[in-house]
Amino acid sequence: MQFKQHCTCTKINLHHFSIAYGFVLIFIYAINVSQQKTFHMKFAKHIFILLTTFLTFTCATTKAQSSRFSVNHYTNGKGDTLNYRMLYPDSDTSRKYPLVIFLHGSGERGSDNEAQLKWGVMNFATDQTMVAHPAFVIAPQCPEKMSWSNFSGRSKGTTDMHLEAKPSKPMELLIGLIHEFMKNASIDTNRIYITGLSMGGFGTYDAIERYPDLFAAAMPVCGGGDVSMAATIAHIPIWNFHGSEDPAVDPMYSVNMMNALIKAGAHPAFTFYPETGHFSWLAAYSDPSALNWLFRQHK
């Protein structure tokens, strides 16, 4: 069975793209105008004002959203530590809230407890999302030279991987943090979600394949998993995203995983962005229908 029959393609939403992308759009527009010999000093002034306003507004918005994530760290019984940022819903002790786990990519690894907020997770901290879908959101930071997942067999030219018996140290710490949080916070344990991009997309599959009874839904972006575990996770609602021209993570990781899930009797959703490279998460996390779908899922 070829999964392309089950694929949905979505146009990229530019509204929530990064500051850099907005800068590029304005710059290209200015160049096009200049080539038409209509780029006078007056127009240059307007472009400068527009660009300055755009950058100021976007930076202020991003900073405000970032400040909503409290700075935390979790230490297990062995003394190992995992840095994380935490978004809290408006306090209402009479109700329980869903929990979202957001796993960043390899470029955001480190110890500053800040870089993991760079991509994607800010979409959970907008005023609109926090009103429509109040939730706890944990954004952990993977240390340098470590990974969320522990798959063997991943190499260039092949998409065959095997889930190793032991989780990576960051994943082990993350699961400990989740269980600790479940004991001490007002969590709806039937609505624990996990999502991640690139390295975090692999981490998302690693997590649900190791702990299939913990999560109510998963939203991996440009990642992959062990296809032999498809039957184990067939009961979990999954919406997978990938760019068709991804040079960093072969799209076949997603395609093979989708085909394996369908063969196992699952009904995953798959958005395959045409003519899109590695940054498919820009479109995925700025798509309101994706977040709406995620928060509708429950055990």
Foldseek 3Di string as FASTA:
>chain_A
DFCVVQADADDFDPPQDDLVVVVVVLVVVLVVCVVVVPNDPVNVVVSVVVNVVSVVVRVVLLVVLLVQWQWDWDADPVRDIWTKTKHAAPDDVVAAAAEEEEEEALVQAADPNRSQSVDQPSLCRDPVNSVVHPHMYIRIHHHHPWALADWPDDDPPDLATHGDPDGTPNVVRVVVVVVVCVVPGRHDQQQYEYEYAHSSLANQQRVCLVVVPRHQAYEYELHAYHLVSLLVNQNHEYEYEYECAEPRRHCVRVRSNVVSSVVSVHNYYYHYYYPDYRVRSSRQSVDVVNVVVSRVTGD
